[in-house]
Amino acid sequence: MKYQLDFERPILELQRKLDDLKKHPEDHSLSVSFEEEVAAIEKKIEETRRQIFAHLSPWDRIKIARHPKRPFTLDYAESVFTDFSELHGDRLFADDPALVGGLAKLGEQKVLLIGTQKGRDTKENIKRNFGSAMPEGYRKALRLMKMADKFGLPIISLIDTPGAYPGIGAEERHVAEAIAVNLREMMLLEVPIVATVIGEGGSGGALGIGVADRVLILENAYYSVISPEGCAAILWKDRAAAPKAAAALRITAKDLSELGLVDEIVPEPLGGAHNNLPDMAQMLKAALITNLEALKKHTGSERLKMRYQKYRAYGRFVETQKKTAGLENGDSSTNGFPGAGAI
């Protein structure tokens, strides 16, 4: 049975009505011809779909980003890239199936492709650890990226993870250190790096392969320091407040673009990437090629300077002086610090 999101129910009801009409036209008394009635319902379905997807809430978009049929990294490895050859192991501990990587071609350009990988069913999700990479996954990614830098291959990173794995084994093998080393080393790679959030972009698990010259995000993906459920549990003491947290966090593609945290939003087919993989693949491929060609016009040292400036520009804020009676004349309660009481 097709997986249906709750806000898609009006579309499903109309589709059921259409299917029933086509199967049993004799059971319906029609005021117009059969063909006209079918065309009218199909038009209504299309209008309803457009109306629903034009007014999605942040929580609705997160549901789409987590859709079990949404294309994953290996789906794009087959549909966007050619000649993908997966490479395994971090040469230190093990191979992590949650983080995949290998050599591929993007158009005529040879590249290194890395990305987080989820599973379609329970068995594959257990194998892929639900897309949450272990320390060895990040060390494998770094090994491959350094190899790409050595041979002058651009790096394409596809991000789709709820976060790095937080279990005891990951902590014992220093997952935070592995991510931190990746952040440092990716800032120093001279080859072009293009990262794209294709689904979930969860916290440090996403950042571990997300330092790039250009950061793209699919229309219905999200990028966040914490999951909405985690934020709701902390601030509202109730995970049921996740929709409220999703809006407050400003983690949708539109919000991130307005905040200057992503460079480009890649549009998705109506209804989400899972509804039309061929079209989604073509749009993503075009965006990757365009950004990669622009980056190739600069030298390695120029890219390093631009990458540094890009990340230094993050975290803009405005500070204002709060004027309160008794504090304007240097009241001792300010402890002598200028700007005390600033918002």
C-alpha atoms as a PDB file:
ATOM      1  CA  MET A   1       0.000   0.000   0.000  1.00  0.00           C
ATOM      2  CA  LYS A   2       1.258   3.473  -0.830  1.00  0.00           C
ATOM      3  CA  TYR A   3       2.613   5.400   2.182  1.00  0.00           C
ATOM      4  CA  GLN A   4       0.356   8.415   2.746  1.00  0.00           C
ATOM      5  CA  LEU A   5       1.081  11.513   4.824  1.00  0.00           C
ATOM      6  CA  ASP A   6      -1.787  12.874   6.917  1.00  0.00           C
ATOM      7  CA  PHE A   7      -2.063  16.180   5.044  1.00  0.00           C
ATOM      8  CA  GLU A   8      -2.410  14.254   1.764  1.00  0.00           C
ATOM      9  CA  ARG A   9      -5.740  12.674   2.820  1.00  0.00           C
ATOM     10  CA  PRO A  10      -7.931  15.005   0.689  1.00  0.00           C
ATOM     11  CA  ILE A  11      -5.898  13.930  -2.358  1.00  0.00           C
ATOM     12  CA  LEU A  12      -6.267  10.265  -1.404  1.00  0.00           C
ATOM     13  CA  GLU A  13     -10.044  10.582  -1.012  1.00  0.00           C
ATOM     14  CA  LEU A  14     -10.371  12.142  -4.460  1.00  0.00           C
ATOM     15  CA  GLN A  15      -8.115   9.465  -5.952  1.00  0.00           C
ATOM     16  CA  ARG A  16     -10.265   6.729  -4.389  1.00  0.00           C
ATOM     17  CA  LYS A  17     -13.356   8.352  -5.835  1.00  0.00           C
ATOM     18  CA  LEU A  18     -11.723   8.443  -9.262  1.00  0.00           C
ATOM     19  CA  ASP A  19     -10.585   4.807  -9.052  1.00  0.00           C
ATOM     20  CA  ASP A  20     -14.052   3.705  -7.956  1.00  0.00           C
ATOM     21  CA  LEU A  21     -15.649   5.588 -10.844  1.00  0.00           C
ATOM     22  CA  LYS A  22     -13.309   3.985 -13.372  1.00  0.00           C
ATOM     23  CA  LYS A  23     -13.885   0.472 -11.989  1.00  0.00           C
ATOM     24  CA  HIS A  24     -17.662   0.683 -11.605  1.00  0.00           C
ATOM     25  CA  PRO A  25     -19.049   3.428 -13.865  1.00  0.00           C
ATOM     26  CA  GLU A  26     -22.456   1.721 -13.926  1.00  0.00           C
ATOM     27  CA  ASP A  27     -22.929   2.352 -10.186  1.00  0.00           C
ATOM     28  CA  HIS A  28     -22.788   6.128 -10.622  1.00  0.00           C
ATOM     29  CA  SER A  29     -25.531   8.331 -11.988  1.00  0.00           C
ATOM     30  CA  LEU A  30     -23.652  11.025 -13.867  1.00  0.00           C
ATOM     31  CA  SER A  31     -25.071  14.379 -14.898  1.00  0.00           C
ATOM     32  CA  VAL A  32     -22.333  14.627 -17.543  1.00  0.00           C
ATOM     33  CA  SER A  33     -20.518  12.087 -19.672  1.00  0.00           C
ATOM     34  CA  PHE A  34     -18.152   9.567 -18.073  1.00  0.00           C
ATOM     35  CA  GLU A  35     -15.127  11.166 -19.732  1.00  0.00           C
ATOM     36  CA  GLU A  36     -16.095  14.636 -18.518  1.00  0.00           C
ATOM     37  CA  GLU A  37     -16.600  13.408 -14.943  1.00  0.00           C
ATOM     38  CA  VAL A  38     -13.189  11.684 -14.939  1.00  0.00           C
ATOM     39  CA  ALA A  39     -11.519  14.814 -16.317  1.00  0.00           C
ATOM     40  CA  ALA A  40     -13.237  16.966 -13.668  1.00  0.00           C
ATOM     41  CA  ILE A  41     -12.028  14.749 -10.810  1.00  0.00           C
ATOM     42  CA  GLU A  42      -8.487  14.591 -12.225  1.00  0.00           C
ATOM     43  CA  LYS A  43      -8.461  18.393 -12.444  1.00  0.00           C
ATOM     44  CA  LYS A  44      -9.714  18.627  -8.862  1.00  0.00           C
ATOM     45  CA  ILE A  45      -6.955  16.263  -7.697  1.00  0.00           C
ATOM     46  CA  GLU A  46      -4.298  18.382  -9.391  1.00  0.00           C
ATOM     47  CA  GLU A  47      -5.709  21.616  -7.933  1.00  0.00           C
ATOM     48  CA  THR A  48      -5.946  20.111  -4.456  1.00  0.00           C
ATOM     49  CA  ARG A  49      -2.389  18.817  -4.662  1.00  0.00           C
ATOM     50  CA  ARG A  50      -1.072  22.222  -5.718  1.00  0.00           C
ATOM     51  CA  GLN A  51      -3.056  23.961  -2.977  1.00  0.00           C
ATOM     52  CA  ILE A  52      -1.812  21.600  -0.248  1.00  0.00           C
ATOM     53  CA  PHE A  53       1.844  21.688  -1.250  1.00  0.00           C
ATOM     54  CA  ALA A  54       1.827  25.462  -1.642  1.00  0.00           C
ATOM     55  CA  HIS A  55       0.904  25.888   2.031  1.00  0.00           C
ATOM     56  CA  LEU A  56       2.960  23.293   3.885  1.00  0.00           C
ATOM     57  CA  SER A  57       3.961  23.953   7.487  1.00  0.00           C
ATOM     58  CA  PRO A  58       7.558  23.342   8.630  1.00  0.00           C
ATOM     59  CA  TRP A  59       6.399  20.119  10.307  1.00  0.00           C
ATOM     60  CA  ASP A  60       4.760  18.958   7.054  1.00  0.00           C
ATOM     61  CA  ARG A  61       8.054  19.461   5.213  1.00  0.00           C
ATOM     62  CA  ILE A  62       9.902  17.465   7.851  1.00  0.00           C
ATOM     63  CA  LYS A  63       7.437  14.624   7.293  1.00  0.00           C
ATOM     64  CA  ILE A  64       8.270  14.735   3.571  1.00  0.00           C
ATOM     65  CA  ALA A  65      12.005  14.807   4.340  1.00  0.00           C
ATOM     66  CA  ARG A  66      11.526  11.607   6.376  1.00  0.00           C
ATOM     67  CA  HIS A  67       9.277   9.883   3.836  1.00  0.00           C
ATOM     68  CA  PRO A  68      10.322   6.198   3.594  1.00  0.00           C
ATOM     69  CA  LYS A  69      10.129   6.326  -0.208  1.00  0.00           C
ATOM     70  CA  ARG A  70      12.277   9.446  -0.506  1.00  0.00           C
ATOM     71  CA  PRO A  71      15.380   8.933  -2.692  1.00  0.00           C
ATOM     72  CA  PHE A  72      18.540   8.195  -0.737  1.00  0.00           C
ATOM     73  CA  THR A  73      22.224   8.685  -1.608  1.00  0.00           C
ATOM     74  CA  LEU A  74      22.564   5.393  -3.495  1.00  0.00           C
ATOM     75  CA  ASP A  75      19.427   6.202  -5.519  1.00  0.00           C
ATOM     76  CA  TYR A  76      21.077   9.415  -6.683  1.00  0.00           C
ATOM     77  CA  ALA A  77      24.354   7.559  -7.243  1.00  0.00           C
ATOM     78  CA  GLU A  78      22.500   5.600  -9.947  1.00  0.00           C
ATOM     79  CA  SER A  79      20.269   8.364 -11.353  1.00  0.00           C
ATOM     80  CA  VAL A  80      22.444  11.510 -11.155  1.00  0.00           C
ATOM     81  CA  PHE A  81      25.923  10.009 -11.486  1.00  0.00           C
ATOM     82  CA  THR A  82      27.432   7.349 -13.718  1.00  0.00           C
ATOM     83  CA  ASP A  83      30.166   4.746 -13.182  1.00  0.00           C
ATOM     84  CA  PHE A  84      29.765   4.837  -9.410  1.00  0.00           C
ATOM     85  CA  SER A  85      32.282   2.521  -7.740  1.00  0.00           C
ATOM     86  CA  GLU A  86      31.855   2.249  -3.982  1.00  0.00           C
ATOM     87  CA  LEU A  87      34.922   2.197  -1.735  1.00  0.00           C
ATOM     88  CA  HIS A  88      34.897   0.714   1.759  1.00  0.00           C
ATOM     89  CA  GLY A  89      36.558   0.955   5.149  1.00  0.00           C
ATOM     90  CA  ASP A  90      38.350   3.566   7.240  1.00  0.00           C
ATOM     91  CA  ARG A  91      41.595   1.476   7.438  1.00  0.00           C
ATOM     92  CA  LEU A  92      41.390   1.822  11.212  1.00  0.00           C
ATOM     93  CA  PHE A  93      38.429  -0.126  12.551  1.00  0.00           C
ATOM     94  CA  ALA A  94      35.623  -1.135  10.153  1.00  0.00           C
ATOM     95  CA  ASP A  95      33.389  -0.235   7.237  1.00  0.00           C
ATOM     96  CA  ASP A  96      30.285   1.785   8.158  1.00  0.00           C
ATOM     97  CA  PRO A  97      27.289   1.066   5.860  1.00  0.00           C
ATOM     98  CA  ALA A  98      25.550   4.238   7.101  1.00  0.00           C
ATOM     99  CA  LEU A  99      28.075   6.401   5.263  1.00  0.00           C
ATOM    100  CA  VAL A 100      28.882   5.442   1.690  1.00  0.00           C
ATOM    101  CA  GLY A 101      31.394   6.827  -0.764  1.00  0.00           C
ATOM    102  CA  GLY A 102      33.172   6.138  -3.980  1.00  0.00           C
ATOM    103  CA  LEU A 103      34.351   7.358  -7.353  1.00  0.00           C
ATOM    104  CA  ALA A 104      31.784   8.482  -9.923  1.00  0.00           C
ATOM    105  CA  LYS A 105      31.212  10.773 -12.894  1.00  0.00           C
ATOM    106  CA  LEU A 106      28.947  13.811 -12.854  1.00  0.00           C
ATOM    107  CA  GLY A 107      28.379  14.459 -16.522  1.00  0.00           C
ATOM    108  CA  GLU A 108      31.922  14.352 -17.896  1.00  0.00           C
ATOM    109  CA  GLN A 109      33.541  15.353 -14.602  1.00  0.00           C
ATOM    110  CA  LYS A 110      35.139  12.673 -12.416  1.00  0.00           C
ATOM    111  CA  VAL A 111      34.218  13.243  -8.778  1.00  0.00           C
ATOM    112  CA  LEU A 112      34.250  11.668  -5.348  1.00  0.00           C
ATOM    113  CA  LEU A 113      30.712  11.031  -4.072  1.00  0.00           C
ATOM    114  CA  ILE A 114      30.071  10.592  -0.343  1.00  0.00           C
ATOM    115  CA  GLY A 115      26.784  10.516   1.518  1.00  0.00           C
ATOM    116  CA  THR A 116      24.755   9.124   4.395  1.00  0.00           C
ATOM    117  CA  GLN A 117      22.500   6.187   3.542  1.00  0.00           C
ATOM    118  CA  LYS A 118      19.267   5.025   5.183  1.00  0.00           C
ATOM    119  CA  GLY A 119      17.372   1.778   4.606  1.00  0.00           C
ATOM    120  CA  ARG A 120      14.007   1.045   2.988  1.00  0.00           C
ATOM    121  CA  ASP A 121      12.854  -1.639   5.419  1.00  0.00           C
ATOM    122  CA  THR A 122      13.650  -2.804   8.939  1.00  0.00           C
ATOM    123  CA  LYS A 123      16.403  -5.194   7.868  1.00  0.00           C
ATOM    124  CA  GLU A 124      18.203  -2.606   5.745  1.00  0.00           C
ATOM    125  CA  ASN A 125      17.689   0.129   8.337  1.00  0.00           C
ATOM    126  CA  ILE A 126      19.387  -2.048  10.931  1.00  0.00           C
ATOM    127  CA  LYS A 127      22.251  -2.627   8.497  1.00  0.00           C
ATOM    128  CA  ARG A 128      22.506   1.105   7.719  1.00  0.00           C
ATOM    129  CA  ASN A 129      21.904   2.077  11.362  1.00  0.00           C
ATOM    130  CA  PHE A 130      18.975   4.253  10.220  1.00  0.00           C
ATOM    131  CA  GLY A 131      21.415   6.597   8.469  1.00  0.00           C
ATOM    132  CA  SER A 132      23.293   7.452  11.678  1.00  0.00           C
ATOM    133  CA  ALA A 133      27.013   7.063  11.051  1.00  0.00           C
ATOM    134  CA  MET A 134      29.573   5.702  13.496  1.00  0.00           C
ATOM    135  CA  PRO A 135      33.039   7.253  14.007  1.00  0.00           C
ATOM    136  CA  GLU A 136      34.460   4.863  11.404  1.00  0.00           C
ATOM    137  CA  GLY A 137      31.979   6.270   8.888  1.00  0.00           C
ATOM    138  CA  TYR A 138      33.360   9.788   9.287  1.00  0.00           C
ATOM    139  CA  ARG A 139      36.926   8.475   9.205  1.00  0.00           C
ATOM    140  CA  LYS A 140      36.134   6.574   6.001  1.00  0.00           C
ATOM    141  CA  ALA A 141      34.701   9.763   4.495  1.00  0.00           C
ATOM    142  CA  LEU A 142      37.841  11.697   5.466  1.00  0.00           C
ATOM    143  CA  ARG A 143      40.099   9.016   4.007  1.00  0.00           C
ATOM    144  CA  LEU A 144      38.231   9.232   0.701  1.00  0.00           C
ATOM    145  CA  MET A 145      38.166  13.045   0.701  1.00  0.00           C
ATOM    146  CA  LYS A 146      41.916  13.241   1.259  1.00  0.00           C
ATOM    147  CA  MET A 147      42.381  10.820  -1.620  1.00  0.00           C
ATOM    148  CA  ALA A 148      40.177  13.069  -3.788  1.00  0.00           C
ATOM    149  CA  ASP A 149      42.234  16.109  -2.769  1.00  0.00           C
ATOM    150  CA  LYS A 150      45.444  14.281  -3.679  1.00  0.00           C
ATOM    151  CA  PHE A 151      44.198  13.457  -7.171  1.00  0.00           C
ATOM    152  CA  GLY A 152      42.340  16.728  -7.794  1.00  0.00           C
ATOM    153  CA  LEU A 153      38.815  15.271  -7.780  1.00  0.00           C
ATOM    154  CA  PRO A 154      35.905  17.532  -6.759  1.00  0.00           C
ATOM    155  CA  ILE A 155      33.863  16.258  -3.806  1.00  0.00           C
ATOM    156  CA  ILE A 156      30.074  15.893  -3.847  1.00  0.00           C
ATOM    157  CA  SER A 157      28.466  15.263  -0.450  1.00  0.00           C
ATOM    158  CA  LEU A 158      24.825  14.159  -0.042  1.00  0.00           C
ATOM    159  CA  ILE A 159      23.435  14.584   3.476  1.00  0.00           C
ATOM    160  CA  ASP A 160      20.462  12.640   4.833  1.00  0.00           C
ATOM    161  CA  THR A 161      20.845  11.724   8.492  1.00  0.00           C
ATOM    162  CA  PRO A 162      18.970  12.329  11.748  1.00  0.00           C
ATOM    163  CA  GLY A 163      22.395  12.669  13.365  1.00  0.00           C
ATOM    164  CA  ALA A 164      25.523  10.706  14.181  1.00  0.00           C
ATOM    165  CA  TYR A 165      24.970   7.521  16.191  1.00  0.00           C
ATOM    166  CA  PRO A 166      24.952   8.405  19.933  1.00  0.00           C
ATOM    167  CA  GLY A 167      25.469   4.881  21.339  1.00  0.00           C
ATOM    168  CA  ILE A 168      28.128   3.601  23.714  1.00  0.00           C
ATOM    169  CA  GLY A 169      30.259   2.059  20.954  1.00  0.00           C
ATOM    170  CA  ALA A 170      30.356   5.335  19.041  1.00  0.00           C
ATOM    171  CA  GLU A 171      31.338   7.229  22.182  1.00  0.00           C
ATOM    172  CA  GLU A 172      34.034   4.680  22.995  1.00  0.00           C
ATOM    173  CA  ARG A 173      35.516   5.198  19.520  1.00  0.00           C
ATOM    174  CA  HIS A 174      35.263   9.016  19.860  1.00  0.00           C
ATOM    175  CA  VAL A 175      32.512  10.069  17.455  1.00  0.00           C
ATOM    176  CA  ALA A 176      32.744  13.730  18.502  1.00  0.00           C
ATOM    177  CA  GLU A 177      36.476  13.753  17.784  1.00  0.00           C
ATOM    178  CA  ALA A 178      35.929  12.107  14.397  1.00  0.00           C
ATOM    179  CA  ILE A 179      33.392  14.777  13.400  1.00  0.00           C
ATOM    180  CA  ALA A 180      35.592  17.589  14.723  1.00  0.00           C
ATOM    181  CA  VAL A 181      38.573  16.353  12.707  1.00  0.00           C
ATOM    182  CA  ASN A 182      36.391  16.250   9.574  1.00  0.00           C
ATOM    183  CA  LEU A 183      35.295  19.847  10.140  1.00  0.00           C
ATOM    184  CA  ARG A 184      38.902  20.959  10.426  1.00  0.00           C
ATOM    185  CA  GLU A 185      40.223  18.922   7.507  1.00  0.00           C
ATOM    186  CA  MET A 186      37.383  19.791   5.100  1.00  0.00           C
ATOM    187  CA  MET A 187      38.221  23.462   5.595  1.00  0.00           C
ATOM    188  CA  LEU A 188      41.712  22.716   4.251  1.00  0.00           C
ATOM    189  CA  LEU A 189      40.896  20.632   1.163  1.00  0.00           C
ATOM    190  CA  GLU A 190      41.788  22.555  -2.000  1.00  0.00           C
ATOM    191  CA  VAL A 191      39.399  20.769  -4.369  1.00  0.00           C
ATOM    192  CA  PRO A 192      35.850  22.093  -4.925  1.00  0.00           C
ATOM    193  CA  ILE A 193      33.285  20.755  -2.430  1.00  0.00           C
ATOM    194  CA  VAL A 194      29.518  20.861  -3.008  1.00  0.00           C
ATOM    195  CA  ALA A 195      27.257  19.552  -0.236  1.00  0.00           C
ATOM    196  CA  THR A 196      23.528  18.958  -0.645  1.00  0.00           C
ATOM    197  CA  VAL A 197      20.986  18.200   2.075  1.00  0.00           C
ATOM    198  CA  ILE A 198      18.679  15.718   0.337  1.00  0.00           C
ATOM    199  CA  GLY A 199      16.507  14.796   3.348  1.00  0.00           C
ATOM    200  CA  GLU A 200      17.354  15.189   7.007  1.00  0.00           C
ATOM    201  CA  GLY A 201      20.320  17.295   8.046  1.00  0.00           C
ATOM    202  CA  GLY A 202      20.721  16.473  11.703  1.00  0.00           C
ATOM    203  CA  SER A 203      23.271  18.330  13.831  1.00  0.00           C
ATOM    204  CA  GLY A 204      26.934  17.255  13.884  1.00  0.00           C
ATOM    205  CA  GLY A 205      26.079  14.073  12.021  1.00  0.00           C
ATOM    206  CA  ALA A 206      25.329  16.233   8.993  1.00  0.00           C
ATOM    207  CA  LEU A 207      28.156  18.718   9.562  1.00  0.00           C
ATOM    208  CA  GLY A 208      30.687  15.884   9.567  1.00  0.00           C
ATOM    209  CA  ILE A 209      30.429  15.786   5.757  1.00  0.00           C
ATOM    210  CA  GLY A 210      28.838  19.216   5.303  1.00  0.00           C
ATOM    211  CA  VAL A 211      31.704  21.731   5.231  1.00  0.00           C
ATOM    212  CA  ALA A 212      31.662  22.898   1.607  1.00  0.00           C
ATOM    213  CA  ASP A 213      32.193  25.750  -0.815  1.00  0.00           C
ATOM    214  CA  ARG A 214      28.518  25.553  -1.786  1.00  0.00           C
ATOM    215  CA  VAL A 215      25.740  24.147   0.394  1.00  0.00           C
ATOM    216  CA  LEU A 216      22.534  23.240  -1.431  1.00  0.00           C
ATOM    217  CA  ILE A 217      19.289  21.946   0.020  1.00  0.00           C
ATOM    218  CA  LEU A 218      16.310  20.239  -1.559  1.00  0.00           C
ATOM    219  CA  GLU A 219      13.018  22.102  -1.271  1.00  0.00           C
ATOM    220  CA  ASN A 220      11.521  19.753   1.334  1.00  0.00           C
ATOM    221  CA  ALA A 221      14.705  18.904   3.243  1.00  0.00           C
ATOM    222  CA  TYR A 222      15.740  20.418   6.556  1.00  0.00           C
ATOM    223  CA  TYR A 223      19.007  21.270   8.315  1.00  0.00           C
ATOM    224  CA  SER A 224      19.037  21.671  12.087  1.00  0.00           C
ATOM    225  CA  VAL A 225      21.194  21.764  15.203  1.00  0.00           C
ATOM    226  CA  ILE A 226      18.684  19.425  16.898  1.00  0.00           C
ATOM    227  CA  SER A 227      15.635  17.423  15.866  1.00  0.00           C
ATOM    228  CA  PRO A 228      12.231  19.063  16.488  1.00  0.00           C
ATOM    229  CA  GLU A 229      11.388  16.208  18.877  1.00  0.00           C
ATOM    230  CA  GLY A 230      14.599  16.775  20.851  1.00  0.00           C
ATOM    231  CA  CYS A 231      13.997  20.526  20.989  1.00  0.00           C
ATOM    232  CA  ALA A 232      10.400  19.989  22.137  1.00  0.00           C
ATOM    233  CA  ALA A 233      11.514  17.602  24.880  1.00  0.00           C
ATOM    234  CA  ILE A 234      13.971  20.196  26.203  1.00  0.00           C
ATOM    235  CA  LEU A 235      11.954  23.414  25.895  1.00  0.00           C
ATOM    236  CA  TRP A 236       8.372  22.184  26.287  1.00  0.00           C
ATOM    237  CA  LYS A 237       9.094  18.973  28.215  1.00  0.00           C
ATOM    238  CA  ASP A 238       6.890  17.203  25.695  1.00  0.00           C
ATOM    239  CA  ARG A 239       7.914  15.613  22.389  1.00  0.00           C
ATOM    240  CA  ALA A 240       4.359  16.176  21.165  1.00  0.00           C
ATOM    241  CA  ALA A 241       5.295  19.849  20.790  1.00  0.00           C
ATOM    242  CA  ALA A 242       7.578  18.922  17.847  1.00  0.00           C
ATOM    243  CA  PRO A 243       5.465  20.863  15.270  1.00  0.00           C
ATOM    244  CA  LYS A 244       5.820  24.013  17.402  1.00  0.00           C
ATOM    245  CA  ALA A 245       9.546  23.394  17.741  1.00  0.00           C
ATOM    246  CA  ALA A 246       9.924  22.856  13.983  1.00  0.00           C
ATOM    247  CA  ALA A 247       8.488  26.320  13.329  1.00  0.00           C
ATOM    248  CA  ALA A 248      10.575  27.975  16.067  1.00  0.00           C
ATOM    249  CA  LEU A 249      13.845  26.407  14.892  1.00  0.00           C
ATOM    250  CA  ARG A 250      13.527  27.845  11.363  1.00  0.00           C
ATOM    251  CA  ILE A 251      15.046  24.756   9.750  1.00  0.00           C
ATOM    252  CA  THR A 252      13.233  24.577   6.407  1.00  0.00           C
ATOM    253  CA  ALA A 253      14.959  25.323   3.121  1.00  0.00           C
ATOM    254  CA  LYS A 254      13.235  28.718   2.801  1.00  0.00           C
ATOM    255  CA  ASP A 255      14.236  29.783   6.320  1.00  0.00           C
ATOM    256  CA  LEU A 256      17.826  28.619   5.876  1.00  0.00           C
ATOM    257  CA  SER A 257      18.120  30.499   2.597  1.00  0.00           C
ATOM    258  CA  GLU A 258      16.825  33.693   4.212  1.00  0.00           C
ATOM    259  CA  LEU A 259      19.329  33.264   7.045  1.00  0.00           C
ATOM    260  CA  GLY A 260      22.175  32.803   4.556  1.00  0.00           C
ATOM    261  CA  LEU A 261      23.017  29.301   5.802  1.00  0.00           C
ATOM    262  CA  VAL A 262      22.487  27.605   2.439  1.00  0.00           C
ATOM    263  CA  ASP A 263      23.460  28.868  -0.998  1.00  0.00           C
ATOM    264  CA  GLU A 264      20.686  27.425  -3.160  1.00  0.00           C
ATOM    265  CA  ILE A 265      17.333  25.665  -2.879  1.00  0.00           C
ATOM    266  CA  VAL A 266      16.890  22.838  -5.381  1.00  0.00           C
ATOM    267  CA  PRO A 267      13.180  22.569  -6.302  1.00  0.00           C
ATOM    268  CA  GLU A 268      11.402  19.228  -6.045  1.00  0.00           C
ATOM    269  CA  PRO A 269       8.636  17.751  -8.216  1.00  0.00           C
ATOM    270  CA  LEU A 270       5.134  18.503  -6.930  1.00  0.00           C
ATOM    271  CA  GLY A 271       4.464  16.263  -3.953  1.00  0.00           C
ATOM    272  CA  GLY A 272       8.121  15.673  -3.107  1.00  0.00           C
ATOM    273  CA  ALA A 273      11.186  13.963  -4.546  1.00  0.00           C
ATOM    274  CA  HIS A 274       9.713  10.502  -3.910  1.00  0.00           C
ATOM    275  CA  ASN A 275       6.921  11.157  -6.409  1.00  0.00           C
ATOM    276  CA  ASN A 276       9.201  11.584  -9.411  1.00  0.00           C
ATOM    277  CA  LEU A 277      12.800  10.417  -9.055  1.00  0.00           C
ATOM    278  CA  PRO A 278      13.746  10.967 -12.744  1.00  0.00           C
ATOM    279  CA  ASP A 279      12.717  14.641 -12.636  1.00  0.00           C
ATOM    280  CA  MET A 280      14.307  15.121  -9.214  1.00  0.00           C
ATOM    281  CA  ALA A 281      17.540  13.569 -10.452  1.00  0.00           C
ATOM    282  CA  GLN A 282      17.660  15.911 -13.445  1.00  0.00           C
ATOM    283  CA  MET A 283      17.106  19.002 -11.284  1.00  0.00           C
ATOM    284  CA  LEU A 284      19.736  17.936  -8.767  1.00  0.00           C
ATOM    285  CA  LYS A 285      22.225  17.057 -11.498  1.00  0.00           C
ATOM    286  CA  ALA A 286      21.779  20.458 -13.148  1.00  0.00           C
ATOM    287  CA  ALA A 287      22.290  22.265  -9.829  1.00  0.00           C
ATOM    288  CA  LEU A 288      25.412  20.262  -8.971  1.00  0.00           C
ATOM    289  CA  ILE A 289      26.990  20.785 -12.393  1.00  0.00           C
ATOM    290  CA  THR A 290      26.250  24.536 -12.358  1.00  0.00           C
ATOM    291  CA  ASN A 291      27.790  25.038  -8.915  1.00  0.00           C
ATOM    292  CA  LEU A 292      30.755  22.807  -9.640  1.00  0.00           C
ATOM    293  CA  GLU A 293      31.558  24.632 -12.887  1.00  0.00           C
ATOM    294  CA  ALA A 294      31.460  27.965 -11.039  1.00  0.00           C
ATOM    295  CA  LEU A 295      33.856  26.682  -8.369  1.00  0.00           C
ATOM    296  CA  LYS A 296      36.292  25.255 -10.911  1.00  0.00           C
ATOM    297  CA  LYS A 297      36.929  28.783 -12.232  1.00  0.00           C
ATOM    298  CA  HIS A 298      38.832  29.581  -9.025  1.00  0.00           C
ATOM    299  CA  THR A 299      42.207  28.298  -7.879  1.00  0.00           C
ATOM    300  CA  GLY A 300      42.569  26.127  -4.805  1.00  0.00           C
ATOM    301  CA  SER A 301      43.917  28.997  -2.693  1.00  0.00           C
ATOM    302  CA  GLU A 302      41.042  31.238  -3.805  1.00  0.00           C
ATOM    303  CA  ARG A 303      38.510  28.582  -2.819  1.00  0.00           C
ATOM    304  CA  LEU A 304      40.120  28.213   0.601  1.00  0.00           C
ATOM    305  CA  LYS A 305      39.833  31.955   1.218  1.00  0.00           C
ATOM    306  CA  MET A 306      36.199  32.052   0.050  1.00  0.00           C
ATOM    307  CA  ARG A 307      35.350  28.978   2.153  1.00  0.00           C
ATOM    308  CA  TYR A 308      36.888  30.617   5.221  1.00  0.00           C
ATOM    309  CA  GLN A 309      34.985  33.861   4.615  1.00  0.00           C
ATOM    310  CA  LYS A 310      31.760  31.931   4.043  1.00  0.00           C
ATOM    311  CA  TYR A 311      31.842  30.259   7.441  1.00  0.00           C
ATOM    312  CA  ARG A 312      33.148  33.337   9.255  1.00  0.00           C
ATOM    313  CA  ALA A 313      30.031  35.177   8.064  1.00  0.00           C
ATOM    314  CA  TYR A 314      27.708  32.755   9.869  1.00  0.00           C
ATOM    315  CA  GLY A 315      26.090  33.736  13.146  1.00  0.00           C
ATOM    316  CA  ARG A 316      24.966  37.305  12.496  1.00  0.00           C
ATOM    317  CA  PHE A 317      23.306  39.036  15.447  1.00  0.00           C
ATOM    318  CA  VAL A 318      22.064  42.449  16.567  1.00  0.00           C
ATOM    319  CA  GLU A 319      22.841  43.856  20.002  1.00  0.00           C
ATOM    320  CA  THR A 320      20.740  46.638  21.503  1.00  0.00           C
ATOM    321  CA  GLN A 321      21.059  48.510  24.796  1.00  0.00           C
ATOM    322  CA  LYS A 322      18.182  47.963  27.184  1.00  0.00           C
ATOM    323  CA  LYS A 323      17.544  51.177  29.089  1.00  0.00           C
ATOM    324  CA  THR A 324      16.111  50.560  32.540  1.00  0.00           C
ATOM    325  CA  ALA A 325      15.612  52.950  35.404  1.00  0.00           C
ATOM    326  CA  GLY A 326      18.519  52.727  37.825  1.00  0.00           C
ATOM    327  CA  LEU A 327      20.890  51.116  35.293  1.00  0.00           C
ATOM    328  CA  GLU A 328      21.528  54.098  33.048  1.00  0.00           C
ATOM    329  CA  ASN A 329      23.923  55.718  35.540  1.00  0.00           C
ATOM    330  CA  GLY A 330      26.189  52.730  36.022  1.00  0.00           C
ATOM    331  CA  ASP A 331      24.205  50.907  38.716  1.00  0.00           C
ATOM    332  CA  SER A 332      26.388  48.373  40.526  1.00  0.00           C
ATOM    333  CA  SER A 333      24.019  45.574  39.505  1.00  0.00           C
ATOM    334  CA  THR A 334      25.567  45.685  36.020  1.00  0.00           C
ATOM    335  CA  ASN A 335      28.882  44.549  37.535  1.00  0.00           C
ATOM    336  CA  GLY A 336      30.611  47.260  35.553  1.00  0.00           C
ATOM    337  CA  PHE A 337      30.104  45.498  32.205  1.00  0.00           C
ATOM    338  CA  PRO A 338      29.020  47.809  29.353  1.00  0.00           C
ATOM    339  CA  GLY A 339      25.916  46.582  27.589  1.00  0.00           C
ATOM    340  CA  ALA A 340      24.583  44.666  30.578  1.00  0.00           C
ATOM    341  CA  GLY A 341      20.918  43.999  30.014  1.00  0.00           C
ATOM    342  CA  ALA A 342      21.446  43.773  26.240  1.00  0.00           C
ATOM    343  CA  ILE A 343      19.011  41.651  24.305  1.00  0.00           C
END
